[in-house]
């Protein structure tokens, strides 16, 4: 159902408002989110160019809120036929969750390859 219905709004104003709403939810639940995993998902007919614009505004809004996006993925992960729009998924990371995201994963809609960094 969503939080509200509104008229068309440009991404540069919509995305920061969405991030503020998500951040408010974290604060009201007593959770903190200094490090996060973020997923920008196109719902079907949203172009990659539009998703990349949303991703840029999302990263800017998170930076202004003091939240480090450790994992940041953008793409068409779970879509609906001819559905326009996007979703922003934001997961607060902690010592238990972060290592799990650093491992390889493969599924129908989402796959990652862990990047190992060697200390020299």
PDB file of N, CA and C in Angstrom:
ATOM      1  N   UNK A   1       0.813  -1.191   0.000  1.00  0.00           N
ATOM      2  CA  UNK A   1       0.000   0.000   0.000  1.00  0.00           C
ATOM      3  C   UNK A   1       0.858   1.257   0.000  1.00  0.00           C
ATOM      4  N   UNK A   2       1.986   1.228   0.677  1.00  0.00           N
ATOM      5  CA  UNK A   2       2.861   2.386   0.685  1.00  0.00           C
ATOM      6  C   UNK A   2       2.552   3.361   1.805  1.00  0.00           C
ATOM      7  N   UNK A   3       3.359   4.397   1.867  1.00  0.00           N
ATOM      8  CA  UNK A   3       3.223   5.410   2.908  1.00  0.00           C
ATOM      9  C   UNK A   3       2.220   6.476   2.510  1.00  0.00           C
ATOM     10  N   UNK A   4       2.239   6.847   1.221  1.00  0.00           N
ATOM     11  CA  UNK A   4       1.324   7.878   0.742  1.00  0.00           C
ATOM     12  C   UNK A   4       1.219   7.810  -0.768  1.00  0.00           C
ATOM     13  N   UNK A   5       0.209   8.452  -1.294  1.00  0.00           N
ATOM     14  CA  UNK A   5       0.053   8.621  -2.736  1.00  0.00           C
ATOM     15  C   UNK A   5       0.244  10.096  -3.029  1.00  0.00           C
ATOM     16  N   UNK A   6       0.945  10.369  -4.127  1.00  0.00           N
ATOM     17  CA  UNK A   6       1.195  11.765  -4.468  1.00  0.00           C
ATOM     18  C   UNK A   6       1.282  11.906  -5.978  1.00  0.00           C
ATOM     19  N   UNK A   7       1.341  13.137  -6.411  1.00  0.00           N
ATOM     20  CA  UNK A   7       1.482  13.417  -7.832  1.00  0.00           C
ATOM     21  C   UNK A   7       2.922  13.139  -8.244  1.00  0.00           C
ATOM     22  N   UNK A   8       3.168  13.120  -9.559  1.00  0.00           N
ATOM     23  CA  UNK A   8       4.513  12.907 -10.079  1.00  0.00           C
ATOM     24  C   UNK A   8       5.471  13.917  -9.466  1.00  0.00           C
ATOM     25  N   UNK A   9       6.644  13.444  -9.167  1.00  0.00           N
ATOM     26  CA  UNK A   9       7.640  14.286  -8.522  1.00  0.00           C
ATOM     27  C   UNK A   9       9.011  13.883  -9.068  1.00  0.00           C
ATOM     28  N   UNK A  10       9.894  14.822  -9.340  1.00  0.00           N
ATOM     29  CA  UNK A  10      11.214  14.458  -9.857  1.00  0.00           C
ATOM     30  C   UNK A  10      12.035  13.687  -8.825  1.00  0.00           C
ATOM     31  N   UNK A  11      12.920  12.820  -9.308  1.00  0.00           N
ATOM     32  CA  UNK A  11      13.735  11.985  -8.428  1.00  0.00           C
ATOM     33  C   UNK A  11      14.573  12.817  -7.469  1.00  0.00           C
ATOM     34  N   UNK A  12      15.013  13.984  -7.893  1.00  0.00           N
ATOM     35  CA  UNK A  12      15.875  14.802  -7.034  1.00  0.00           C
ATOM     36  C   UNK A  12      15.170  15.283  -5.771  1.00  0.00           C
ATOM     37  N   UNK A  13      13.837  15.324  -5.765  1.00  0.00           N
ATOM     38  CA  UNK A  13      13.106  15.679  -4.540  1.00  0.00           C
ATOM     39  C   UNK A  13      12.477  14.448  -3.889  1.00  0.00           C
ATOM     40  N   UNK A  14      12.068  13.472  -4.706  1.00  0.00           N
ATOM     41  CA  UNK A  14      11.419  12.266  -4.183  1.00  0.00           C
ATOM     42  C   UNK A  14      12.387  11.394  -3.385  1.00  0.00           C
ATOM     43  N   UNK A  15      13.558  11.124  -3.928  1.00  0.00           N
ATOM     44  CA  UNK A  15      14.502  10.207  -3.280  1.00  0.00           C
ATOM     45  C   UNK A  15      14.951  10.711  -1.905  1.00  0.00           C
ATOM     46  N   UNK A  16      15.371  11.965  -1.755  1.00  0.00           N
ATOM     47  CA  UNK A  16      15.740  12.409  -0.393  1.00  0.00           C
ATOM     48  C   UNK A  16      14.588  12.281   0.606  1.00  0.00           C
ATOM     49  N   UNK A  17      13.363  12.509   0.143  1.00  0.00           N
ATOM     50  CA  UNK A  17      12.210  12.362   1.042  1.00  0.00           C
ATOM     51  C   UNK A  17      12.028  10.902   1.443  1.00  0.00           C
ATOM     52  N   UNK A  18      12.227   9.984   0.478  1.00  0.00           N
ATOM     53  CA  UNK A  18      12.127   8.551   0.781  1.00  0.00           C
ATOM     54  C   UNK A  18      13.198   8.143   1.797  1.00  0.00           C
ATOM     55  N   UNK A  19      14.416   8.631   1.611  1.00  0.00           N
ATOM     56  CA  UNK A  19      15.503   8.303   2.539  1.00  0.00           C
ATOM     57  C   UNK A  19      15.200   8.862   3.929  1.00  0.00           C
ATOM     58  N   UNK A  20      14.658  10.066   3.992  1.00  0.00           N
ATOM     59  CA  UNK A  20      14.266  10.635   5.288  1.00  0.00           C
ATOM     60  C   UNK A  20      13.220   9.772   5.979  1.00  0.00           C
ATOM     61  N   UNK A  21      12.238   9.261   5.210  1.00  0.00           N
ATOM     62  CA  UNK A  21      11.207   8.391   5.789  1.00  0.00           C
ATOM     63  C   UNK A  21      11.816   7.096   6.325  1.00  0.00           C
ATOM     64  N   UNK A  22      12.714   6.493   5.549  1.00  0.00           N
ATOM     65  CA  UNK A  22      13.362   5.258   5.995  1.00  0.00           C
ATOM     66  C   UNK A  22      14.218   5.514   7.235  1.00  0.00           C
ATOM     67  N   UNK A  23      14.956   6.602   7.231  1.00  0.00           N
ATOM     68  CA  UNK A  23      15.798   6.942   8.371  1.00  0.00           C
ATOM     69  C   UNK A  23      14.937   7.201   9.612  1.00  0.00           C
ATOM     70  N   UNK A  24      13.805   7.839   9.430  1.00  0.00           N
ATOM     71  CA  UNK A  24      12.878   8.091  10.533  1.00  0.00           C
ATOM     72  C   UNK A  24      12.364   6.767  11.113  1.00  0.00           C
ATOM     73  N   UNK A  25      12.085   5.799  10.245  1.00  0.00           N
ATOM     74  CA  UNK A  25      11.648   4.481  10.723  1.00  0.00           C
ATOM     75  C   UNK A  25      12.726   3.812  11.571  1.00  0.00           C
ATOM     76  N   UNK A  26      13.980   3.903  11.103  1.00  0.00           N
ATOM     77  CA  UNK A  26      15.074   3.328  11.886  1.00  0.00           C
ATOM     78  C   UNK A  26      15.131   3.981  13.263  1.00  0.00           C
ATOM     79  N   UNK A  27      15.086   5.305  13.307  1.00  0.00           N
ATOM     80  CA  UNK A  27      15.181   6.025  14.584  1.00  0.00           C
ATOM     81  C   UNK A  27      13.998   5.699  15.506  1.00  0.00           C
ATOM     82  N   UNK A  28      12.790   5.655  14.951  1.00  0.00           N
ATOM     83  CA  UNK A  28      11.614   5.404  15.790  1.00  0.00           C
ATOM     84  C   UNK A  28      11.583   3.978  16.338  1.00  0.00           C
ATOM     85  N   UNK A  29      12.254   3.053  15.657  1.00  0.00           N
ATOM     86  CA  UNK A  29      12.287   1.673  16.147  1.00  0.00           C
ATOM     87  C   UNK A  29      13.422   1.439  17.137  1.00  0.00           C
ATOM     88  N   UNK A  30      14.250   2.468  17.343  1.00  0.00           N
ATOM     89  CA  UNK A  30      15.358   2.333  18.264  1.00  0.00           C
ATOM     90  C   UNK A  30      16.600   1.725  17.622  1.00  0.00           C
ATOM     91  N   UNK A  31      16.548   1.438  16.336  1.00  0.00           N
ATOM     92  CA  UNK A  31      17.705   0.890  15.627  1.00  0.00           C
ATOM     93  C   UNK A  31      18.591   2.014  15.121  1.00  0.00           C
ATOM     94  N   UNK A  32      19.835   1.708  14.945  1.00  0.00           N
ATOM     95  CA  UNK A  32      20.745   2.667  14.326  1.00  0.00           C
ATOM     96  C   UNK A  32      21.221   2.082  13.003  1.00  0.00           C
ATOM     97  N   UNK A  33      21.614   2.947  12.121  1.00  0.00           N
ATOM     98  CA  UNK A  33      22.068   2.493  10.816  1.00  0.00           C
ATOM     99  C   UNK A  33      23.219   3.377  10.347  1.00  0.00           C
ATOM    100  N   UNK A  34      24.397   3.129  10.867  1.00  0.00           N
ATOM    101  CA  UNK A  34      25.566   3.892  10.430  1.00  0.00           C
ATOM    102  C   UNK A  34      26.200   3.254   9.197  1.00  0.00           C
ATOM    103  N   UNK A  35      26.039   1.938   9.062  1.00  0.00           N
ATOM    104  CA  UNK A  35      26.527   1.191   7.900  1.00  0.00           C
ATOM    105  C   UNK A  35      25.334   0.451   7.322  1.00  0.00           C
ATOM    106  N   UNK A  36      25.230   0.462   5.995  1.00  0.00           N
ATOM    107  CA  UNK A  36      24.025  -0.102   5.383  1.00  0.00           C
ATOM    108  C   UNK A  36      24.332  -0.829   4.091  1.00  0.00           C
ATOM    109  N   UNK A  37      23.425  -1.725   3.745  1.00  0.00           N
ATOM    110  CA  UNK A  37      23.372  -2.344   2.422  1.00  0.00           C
ATOM    111  C   UNK A  37      22.151  -1.744   1.743  1.00  0.00           C
ATOM    112  N   UNK A  38      22.318  -1.291   0.496  1.00  0.00           N
ATOM    113  CA  UNK A  38      21.245  -0.604  -0.213  1.00  0.00           C
ATOM    114  C   UNK A  38      21.032  -1.269  -1.565  1.00  0.00           C
ATOM    115  N   UNK A  39      19.763  -1.461  -1.909  1.00  0.00           N
ATOM    116  CA  UNK A  39      19.386  -2.060  -3.180  1.00  0.00           C
ATOM    117  C   UNK A  39      18.388  -1.139  -3.868  1.00  0.00           C
ATOM    118  N   UNK A  40      18.745  -0.652  -5.059  1.00  0.00           N
ATOM    119  CA  UNK A  40      17.826   0.143  -5.876  1.00  0.00           C
ATOM    120  C   UNK A  40      17.291  -0.805  -6.940  1.00  0.00           C
ATOM    121  N   UNK A  41      16.011  -1.102  -6.886  1.00  0.00           N
ATOM    122  CA  UNK A  41      15.389  -2.073  -7.778  1.00  0.00           C
ATOM    123  C   UNK A  41      14.424  -1.393  -8.734  1.00  0.00           C
ATOM    124  N   UNK A  42      14.609  -1.638 -10.029  1.00  0.00           N
ATOM    125  CA  UNK A  42      13.645  -1.179 -11.024  1.00  0.00           C
ATOM    126  C   UNK A  42      12.468  -2.129 -11.055  1.00  0.00           C
ATOM    127  N   UNK A  43      11.276  -1.612 -11.122  1.00  0.00           N
ATOM    128  CA  UNK A  43      10.095  -2.463 -11.031  1.00  0.00           C
ATOM    129  C   UNK A  43       9.645  -3.043 -12.371  1.00  0.00           C
ATOM    130  N   UNK A  44      10.296  -2.679 -13.464  1.00  0.00           N
ATOM    131  CA  UNK A  44       9.944  -3.260 -14.751  1.00  0.00           C
ATOM    132  C   UNK A  44      10.284  -2.369 -15.917  1.00  0.00           C
ATOM    133  N   UNK A  45       9.549  -1.284 -16.072  1.00  0.00           N
ATOM    134  CA  UNK A  45       9.764  -0.429 -17.240  1.00  0.00           C
ATOM    135  C   UNK A  45      10.613   0.800 -16.940  1.00  0.00           C
ATOM    136  N   UNK A  46      11.236   0.843 -15.770  1.00  0.00           N
ATOM    137  CA  UNK A  46      12.142   1.936 -15.440  1.00  0.00           C
ATOM    138  C   UNK A  46      13.490   1.636 -16.087  1.00  0.00           C
ATOM    139  N   UNK A  47      14.041   2.597 -16.798  1.00  0.00           N
ATOM    140  CA  UNK A  47      15.287   2.363 -17.520  1.00  0.00           C
ATOM    141  C   UNK A  47      16.488   2.368 -16.573  1.00  0.00           C
ATOM    142  N   UNK A  48      17.577   1.784 -17.030  1.00  0.00           N
ATOM    143  CA  UNK A  48      18.807   1.794 -16.248  1.00  0.00           C
ATOM    144  C   UNK A  48      19.279   3.225 -16.004  1.00  0.00           C
ATOM    145  N   UNK A  49      19.146   4.087 -17.002  1.00  0.00           N
ATOM    146  CA  UNK A  49      19.540   5.488 -16.837  1.00  0.00           C
ATOM    147  C   UNK A  49      18.761   6.127 -15.685  1.00  0.00           C
ATOM    148  N   UNK A  50      17.446   5.879 -15.629  1.00  0.00           N
ATOM    149  CA  UNK A  50      16.636   6.424 -14.535  1.00  0.00           C
ATOM    150  C   UNK A  50      17.059   5.833 -13.189  1.00  0.00           C
ATOM    151  N   UNK A  51      17.347   4.523 -13.168  1.00  0.00           N
ATOM    152  CA  UNK A  51      17.775   3.885 -11.923  1.00  0.00           C
ATOM    153  C   UNK A  51      19.114   4.441 -11.442  1.00  0.00           C
ATOM    154  N   UNK A  52      20.010   4.726 -12.384  1.00  0.00           N
ATOM    155  CA  UNK A  52      21.299   5.292 -11.995  1.00  0.00           C
ATOM    156  C   UNK A  52      21.137   6.701 -11.419  1.00  0.00           C
ATOM    157  N   UNK A  53      20.190   7.459 -11.948  1.00  0.00           N
ATOM    158  CA  UNK A  53      19.901   8.778 -11.367  1.00  0.00           C
ATOM    159  C   UNK A  53      19.374   8.610  -9.942  1.00  0.00           C
ATOM    160  N   UNK A  54      18.445   7.675  -9.745  1.00  0.00           N
ATOM    161  CA  UNK A  54      17.913   7.394  -8.408  1.00  0.00           C
ATOM    162  C   UNK A  54      19.048   6.967  -7.480  1.00  0.00           C
ATOM    163  N   UNK A  55      19.949   6.117  -7.978  1.00  0.00           N
ATOM    164  CA  UNK A  55      21.080   5.653  -7.166  1.00  0.00           C
ATOM    165  C   UNK A  55      21.960   6.828  -6.739  1.00  0.00           C
ATOM    166  N   UNK A  56      22.214   7.757  -7.643  1.00  0.00           N
ATOM    167  CA  UNK A  56      23.022   8.920  -7.299  1.00  0.00           C
ATOM    168  C   UNK A  56      22.369   9.775  -6.231  1.00  0.00           C
ATOM    169  N   UNK A  57      21.069  10.028  -6.370  1.00  0.00           N
ATOM    170  CA  UNK A  57      20.361  10.818  -5.363  1.00  0.00           C
ATOM    171  C   UNK A  57      20.294  10.072  -4.026  1.00  0.00           C
ATOM    172  N   UNK A  58      20.178   8.743  -4.091  1.00  0.00           N
ATOM    173  CA  UNK A  58      20.155   7.936  -2.874  1.00  0.00           C
ATOM    174  C   UNK A  58      21.486   8.030  -2.149  1.00  0.00           C
ATOM    175  N   UNK A  59      22.572   7.872  -2.893  1.00  0.00           N
ATOM    176  CA  UNK A  59      23.904   7.957  -2.276  1.00  0.00           C
ATOM    177  C   UNK A  59      24.125   9.333  -1.650  1.00  0.00           C
ATOM    178  N   UNK A  60      23.728  10.398  -2.354  1.00  0.00           N
ATOM    179  CA  UNK A  60      23.865  11.753  -1.805  1.00  0.00           C
ATOM    180  C   UNK A  60      23.071  11.913  -0.517  1.00  0.00           C
ATOM    181  N   UNK A  61      21.833  11.427  -0.503  1.00  0.00           N
ATOM    182  CA  UNK A  61      20.981  11.557   0.690  1.00  0.00           C
ATOM    183  C   UNK A  61      21.547  10.760   1.856  1.00  0.00           C
ATOM    184  N   UNK A  62      22.073   9.567   1.587  1.00  0.00           N
ATOM    185  CA  UNK A  62      22.683   8.771   2.653  1.00  0.00           C
ATOM    186  C   UNK A  62      23.931   9.458   3.196  1.00  0.00           C
ATOM    187  N   UNK A  63      24.746  10.006   2.297  1.00  0.00           N
ATOM    188  CA  UNK A  63      25.946  10.739   2.741  1.00  0.00           C
ATOM    189  C   UNK A  63      25.575  11.899   3.647  1.00  0.00           C
ATOM    190  N   UNK A  64      24.531  12.653   3.266  1.00  0.00           N
ATOM    191  CA  UNK A  64      24.100  13.786   4.099  1.00  0.00           C
ATOM    192  C   UNK A  64      23.590  13.320   5.464  1.00  0.00           C
ATOM    193  N   UNK A  65      23.023  12.102   5.511  1.00  0.00           N
ATOM    194  CA  UNK A  65      22.512  11.564   6.774  1.00  0.00           C
ATOM    195  C   UNK A  65      23.613  10.887   7.593  1.00  0.00           C
ATOM    196  N   UNK A  66      24.832  10.835   7.058  1.00  0.00           N
ATOM    197  CA  UNK A  66      25.938  10.223   7.779  1.00  0.00           C
ATOM    198  C   UNK A  66      25.911   8.708   7.769  1.00  0.00           C
ATOM    199  N   UNK A  67      25.311   8.123   6.732  1.00  0.00           N
ATOM    200  CA  UNK A  67      25.193   6.672   6.646  1.00  0.00           C
ATOM    201  C   UNK A  67      26.102   6.165   5.526  1.00  0.00           C
ATOM    202  N   UNK A  68      26.969   5.225   5.863  1.00  0.00           N
ATOM    203  CA  UNK A  68      27.892   4.649   4.894  1.00  0.00           C
ATOM    204  C   UNK A  68      27.223   3.457   4.208  1.00  0.00           C
ATOM    205  N   UNK A  69      27.069   3.545   2.902  1.00  0.00           N
ATOM    206  CA  UNK A  69      26.498   2.437   2.126  1.00  0.00           C
ATOM    207  C   UNK A  69      27.635   1.498   1.739  1.00  0.00           C
ATOM    208  N   UNK A  70      27.841   0.467   2.540  1.00  0.00           N
ATOM    209  CA  UNK A  70      28.932  -0.468   2.338  1.00  0.00           C
ATOM    210  C   UNK A  70      28.679  -1.323   1.098  1.00  0.00           C
ATOM    211  N   UNK A  71      27.455  -1.753   0.916  1.00  0.00           N
ATOM    212  CA  UNK A  71      27.029  -2.497  -0.268  1.00  0.00           C
ATOM    213  C   UNK A  71      25.962  -1.669  -0.961  1.00  0.00           C
ATOM    214  N   UNK A  72      26.105  -1.464  -2.259  1.00  0.00           N
ATOM    215  CA  UNK A  72      25.179  -0.618  -3.001  1.00  0.00           C
ATOM    216  C   UNK A  72      24.956  -1.258  -4.367  1.00  0.00           C
ATOM    217  N   UNK A  73      23.762  -1.783  -4.591  1.00  0.00           N
ATOM    218  CA  UNK A  73      23.442  -2.470  -5.837  1.00  0.00           C
ATOM    219  C   UNK A  73      22.287  -1.761  -6.534  1.00  0.00           C
ATOM    220  N   UNK A  74      22.388  -1.640  -7.863  1.00  0.00           N
ATOM    221  CA  UNK A  74      21.345  -1.014  -8.666  1.00  0.00           C
ATOM    222  C   UNK A  74      21.050  -1.899  -9.859  1.00  0.00           C
ATOM    223  N   UNK A  75      19.774  -2.166 -10.125  1.00  0.00           N
ATOM    224  CA  UNK A  75      19.415  -2.967 -11.297  1.00  0.00           C
ATOM    225  C   UNK A  75      17.965  -3.400 -11.279  1.00  0.00           C
ATOM    226  N   UNK A  76      17.641  -4.274 -12.215  1.00  0.00           N
ATOM    227  CA  UNK A  76      16.295  -4.848 -12.320  1.00  0.00           C
ATOM    228  C   UNK A  76      16.344  -6.215 -11.632  1.00  0.00           C
ATOM    229  N   UNK A  77      16.071  -6.285 -10.341  1.00  0.00           N
ATOM    230  CA  UNK A  77      16.210  -7.512  -9.578  1.00  0.00           C
ATOM    231  C   UNK A  77      14.894  -8.281  -9.455  1.00  0.00           C
ATOM    232  N   UNK A  78      13.827  -7.618  -9.153  1.00  0.00           N
ATOM    233  CA  UNK A  78      12.506  -8.240  -9.028  1.00  0.00           C
ATOM    234  C   UNK A  78      11.509  -7.292  -9.692  1.00  0.00           C
ATOM    235  N   UNK A  79      11.024  -7.674 -10.853  1.00  0.00           N
ATOM    236  CA  UNK A  79      10.207  -6.766 -11.656  1.00  0.00           C
ATOM    237  C   UNK A  79       8.785  -7.286 -11.823  1.00  0.00           C
ATOM    238  N   UNK A  80       7.915  -6.406 -12.335  1.00  0.00           N
ATOM    239  CA  UNK A  80       6.554  -6.750 -12.714  1.00  0.00           C
ATOM    240  C   UNK A  80       6.350  -6.275 -14.147  1.00  0.00           C
ATOM    241  N   UNK A  81       5.541  -6.964 -14.876  1.00  0.00           N
ATOM    242  CA  UNK A  81       5.320  -6.650 -16.283  1.00  0.00           C
ATOM    243  C   UNK A  81       4.833  -5.212 -16.456  1.00  0.00           C
ATOM    244  N   UNK A  82       5.593  -4.406 -17.186  1.00  0.00           N
ATOM    245  CA  UNK A  82       5.256  -3.023 -17.524  1.00  0.00           C
ATOM    246  C   UNK A  82       5.004  -2.118 -16.325  1.00  0.00           C
ATOM    247  N   UNK A  83       5.544  -2.459 -15.189  1.00  0.00           N
ATOM    248  CA  UNK A  83       5.339  -1.605 -14.017  1.00  0.00           C
ATOM    249  C   UNK A  83       6.434  -0.552 -13.965  1.00  0.00           C
ATOM    250  N   UNK A  84       6.060   0.684 -13.812  1.00  0.00           N
ATOM    251  CA  UNK A  84       7.026   1.783 -13.717  1.00  0.00           C
ATOM    252  C   UNK A  84       7.385   2.016 -12.263  1.00  0.00           C
ATOM    253  N   UNK A  85       8.545   2.585 -12.054  1.00  0.00           N
ATOM    254  CA  UNK A  85       8.941   2.967 -10.709  1.00  0.00           C
ATOM    255  C   UNK A  85      10.142   2.189 -10.210  1.00  0.00           C
ATOM    256  N   UNK A  86      10.408   2.351  -8.937  1.00  0.00           N
ATOM    257  CA  UNK A  86      11.574   1.735  -8.318  1.00  0.00           C
ATOM    258  C   UNK A  86      11.294   1.543  -6.839  1.00  0.00           C
ATOM    259  N   UNK A  87      12.124   0.748  -6.228  1.00  0.00           N
ATOM    260  CA  UNK A  87      12.080   0.609  -4.773  1.00  0.00           C
ATOM    261  C   UNK A  87      13.486   0.813  -4.230  1.00  0.00           C
ATOM    262  N   UNK A  88      13.552   1.286  -3.003  1.00  0.00           N
ATOM    263  CA  UNK A  88      14.818   1.426  -2.297  1.00  0.00           C
ATOM    264  C   UNK A  88      14.732   0.508  -1.077  1.00  0.00           C
ATOM    265  N   UNK A  89      15.634  -0.460  -1.028  1.00  0.00           N
ATOM    266  CA  UNK A  89      15.714  -1.352   0.124  1.00  0.00           C
ATOM    267  C   UNK A  89      16.978  -0.994   0.884  1.00  0.00           C
ATOM    268  N   UNK A  90      16.840  -0.822   2.188  1.00  0.00           N
ATOM    269  CA  UNK A  90      17.942  -0.364   3.022  1.00  0.00           C
ATOM    270  C   UNK A  90      17.992  -1.265   4.243  1.00  0.00           C
ATOM    271  N   UNK A  91      19.121  -1.940   4.425  1.00  0.00           N
ATOM    272  CA  UNK A  91      19.291  -2.841   5.554  1.00  0.00           C
ATOM    273  C   UNK A  91      20.462  -2.364   6.400  1.00  0.00           C
ATOM    274  N   UNK A  92      20.194  -2.146   7.662  1.00  0.00           N
ATOM    275  CA  UNK A  92      21.267  -1.769   8.587  1.00  0.00           C
ATOM    276  C   UNK A  92      22.181  -2.975   8.781  1.00  0.00           C
ATOM    277  N   UNK A  93      23.480  -2.726   8.730  1.00  0.00           N
ATOM    278  CA  UNK A  93      24.449  -3.807   8.903  1.00  0.00           C
ATOM    279  C   UNK A  93      25.001  -3.812  10.314  1.00  0.00           C
ATOM    280  N   UNK A  94      25.246  -5.012  10.801  1.00  0.00           N
ATOM    281  CA  UNK A  94      25.911  -5.172  12.089  1.00  0.00           C
ATOM    282  C   UNK A  94      27.000  -6.228  11.916  1.00  0.00           C
ATOM    283  N   UNK A  95      27.657  -6.580  12.993  1.00  0.00           N
ATOM    284  CA  UNK A  95      28.774  -7.519  12.931  1.00  0.00           C
ATOM    285  C   UNK A  95      28.351  -8.911  12.453  1.00  0.00           C
ATOM    286  N   UNK A  96      27.084  -9.268  12.620  1.00  0.00           N
ATOM    287  CA  UNK A  96      26.604 -10.579  12.167  1.00  0.00           C
ATOM    288  C   UNK A  96      26.215 -10.571  10.689  1.00  0.00           C
ATOM    289  N   UNK A  97      25.560  -9.515  10.242  1.00  0.00           N
ATOM    290  CA  UNK A  97      25.055  -9.475   8.868  1.00  0.00           C
ATOM    291  C   UNK A  97      26.112  -9.138   7.822  1.00  0.00           C
ATOM    292  N   UNK A  98      27.010  -8.231   8.153  1.00  0.00           N
ATOM    293  CA  UNK A  98      27.972  -7.768   7.151  1.00  0.00           C
ATOM    294  C   UNK A  98      28.828  -8.887   6.565  1.00  0.00           C
ATOM    295  N   UNK A  99      29.366  -9.814   7.362  1.00  0.00           N
ATOM    296  CA  UNK A  99      30.160 -10.894   6.760  1.00  0.00           C
ATOM    297  C   UNK A  99      29.326 -11.794   5.838  1.00  0.00           C
ATOM    298  N   UNK A 100      28.044 -11.932   6.128  1.00  0.00           N
ATOM    299  CA  UNK A 100      27.188 -12.747   5.272  1.00  0.00           C
ATOM    300  C   UNK A 100      27.041 -12.132   3.886  1.00  0.00           C
ATOM    301  N   UNK A 101      26.970 -10.802   3.822  1.00  0.00           N
ATOM    302  CA  UNK A 101      26.880 -10.131   2.527  1.00  0.00           C
ATOM    303  C   UNK A 101      28.200 -10.166   1.766  1.00  0.00           C
ATOM    304  N   UNK A 102      29.288 -10.456   2.455  1.00  0.00           N
ATOM    305  CA  UNK A 102      30.606 -10.489   1.813  1.00  0.00           C
ATOM    306  C   UNK A 102      30.903 -11.849   1.177  1.00  0.00           C
ATOM    307  N   UNK A 103      29.952 -12.783   1.244  1.00  0.00           N
ATOM    308  CA  UNK A 103      30.163 -14.101   0.644  1.00  0.00           C
ATOM    309  C   UNK A 103      29.455 -14.188  -0.701  1.00  0.00           C
ATOM    310  N   UNK A 104      29.874 -15.151  -1.521  1.00  0.00           N
ATOM    311  CA  UNK A 104      29.238 -15.356  -2.818  1.00  0.00           C
ATOM    312  C   UNK A 104      27.786 -15.788  -2.632  1.00  0.00           C
ATOM    313  N   UNK A 105      26.931 -15.306  -3.515  1.00  0.00           N
ATOM    314  CA  UNK A 105      25.517 -15.685  -3.481  1.00  0.00           C
ATOM    315  C   UNK A 105      25.001 -15.783  -4.902  1.00  0.00           C
ATOM    316  N   UNK A 106      24.129 -16.733  -5.138  1.00  0.00           N
ATOM    317  CA  UNK A 106      23.561 -16.889  -6.472  1.00  0.00           C
ATOM    318  C   UNK A 106      22.105 -17.321  -6.345  1.00  0.00           C
ATOM    319  N   UNK A 107      21.224 -16.518  -6.934  1.00  0.00           N
ATOM    320  CA  UNK A 107      19.807 -16.858  -6.937  1.00  0.00           C
ATOM    321  C   UNK A 107      19.203 -16.356  -8.241  1.00  0.00           C
ATOM    322  N   UNK A 108      17.948 -16.603  -8.449  1.00  0.00           N
ATOM    323  CA  UNK A 108      17.290 -16.233  -9.696  1.00  0.00           C
ATOM    324  C   UNK A 108      17.341 -14.728  -9.953  1.00  0.00           C
ATOM    325  N   UNK A 109      17.068 -13.923  -8.951  1.00  0.00           N
ATOM    326  CA  UNK A 109      16.989 -12.475  -9.144  1.00  0.00           C
ATOM    327  C   UNK A 109      18.238 -11.711  -8.711  1.00  0.00           C
ATOM    328  N   UNK A 110      19.087 -12.322  -7.919  1.00  0.00           N
ATOM    329  CA  UNK A 110      20.204 -11.554  -7.368  1.00  0.00           C
ATOM    330  C   UNK A 110      21.398 -12.465  -7.129  1.00  0.00           C
ATOM    331  N   UNK A 111      22.545 -12.054  -7.631  1.00  0.00           N
ATOM    332  CA  UNK A 111      23.794 -12.806  -7.417  1.00  0.00           C
ATOM    333  C   UNK A 111      24.925 -11.830  -7.138  1.00  0.00           C
ATOM    334  N   UNK A 112      25.868 -12.267  -6.324  1.00  0.00           N
ATOM    335  CA  UNK A 112      27.046 -11.462  -6.035  1.00  0.00           C
ATOM    336  C   UNK A 112      28.277 -12.350  -6.101  1.00  0.00           C
ATOM    337  N   UNK A 113      29.383 -11.748  -6.336  1.00  0.00           N
ATOM    338  CA  UNK A 113      30.672 -12.422  -6.237  1.00  0.00           C
ATOM    339  C   UNK A 113      31.486 -11.623  -5.232  1.00  0.00           C
ATOM    340  N   UNK A 114      31.857 -12.274  -4.158  1.00  0.00           N
ATOM    341  CA  UNK A 114      32.611 -11.590  -3.104  1.00  0.00           C
ATOM    342  C   UNK A 114      33.961 -11.156  -3.642  1.00  0.00           C
ATOM    343  N   UNK A 115      34.364  -9.983  -3.236  1.00  0.00           N
ATOM    344  CA  UNK A 115      35.660  -9.453  -3.625  1.00  0.00           C
ATOM    345  C   UNK A 115      36.606  -9.579  -2.437  1.00  0.00           C
ATOM    346  N   UNK A 116      37.656 -10.322  -2.620  1.00  0.00           N
ATOM    347  CA  UNK A 116      38.601 -10.459  -1.517  1.00  0.00           C
ATOM    348  C   UNK A 116      39.684  -9.396  -1.646  1.00  0.00           C
ATOM    349  N   UNK A 117      40.073  -8.870  -0.513  1.00  0.00           N
ATOM    350  CA  UNK A 117      41.122  -7.852  -0.463  1.00  0.00           C
ATOM    351  C   UNK A 117      42.241  -8.427   0.387  1.00  0.00           C
ATOM    352  N   UNK A 118      43.431  -8.474  -0.177  1.00  0.00           N
ATOM    353  CA  UNK A 118      44.577  -9.001   0.553  1.00  0.00           C
ATOM    354  C   UNK A 118      45.385  -7.850   1.118  1.00  0.00           C
ATOM    355  N   UNK A 119      45.766  -7.983   2.371  1.00  0.00           N
ATOM    356  CA  UNK A 119      46.646  -6.985   2.979  1.00  0.00           C
ATOM    357  C   UNK A 119      48.063  -7.211   2.466  1.00  0.00           C
ATOM    358  N   UNK A 120      48.728  -6.159   2.059  1.00  0.00           N
ATOM    359  CA  UNK A 120      50.106  -6.285   1.560  1.00  0.00           C
ATOM    360  C   UNK A 120      51.042  -5.543   2.462  1.00  0.00           C
TER     361      UNK A 120
END
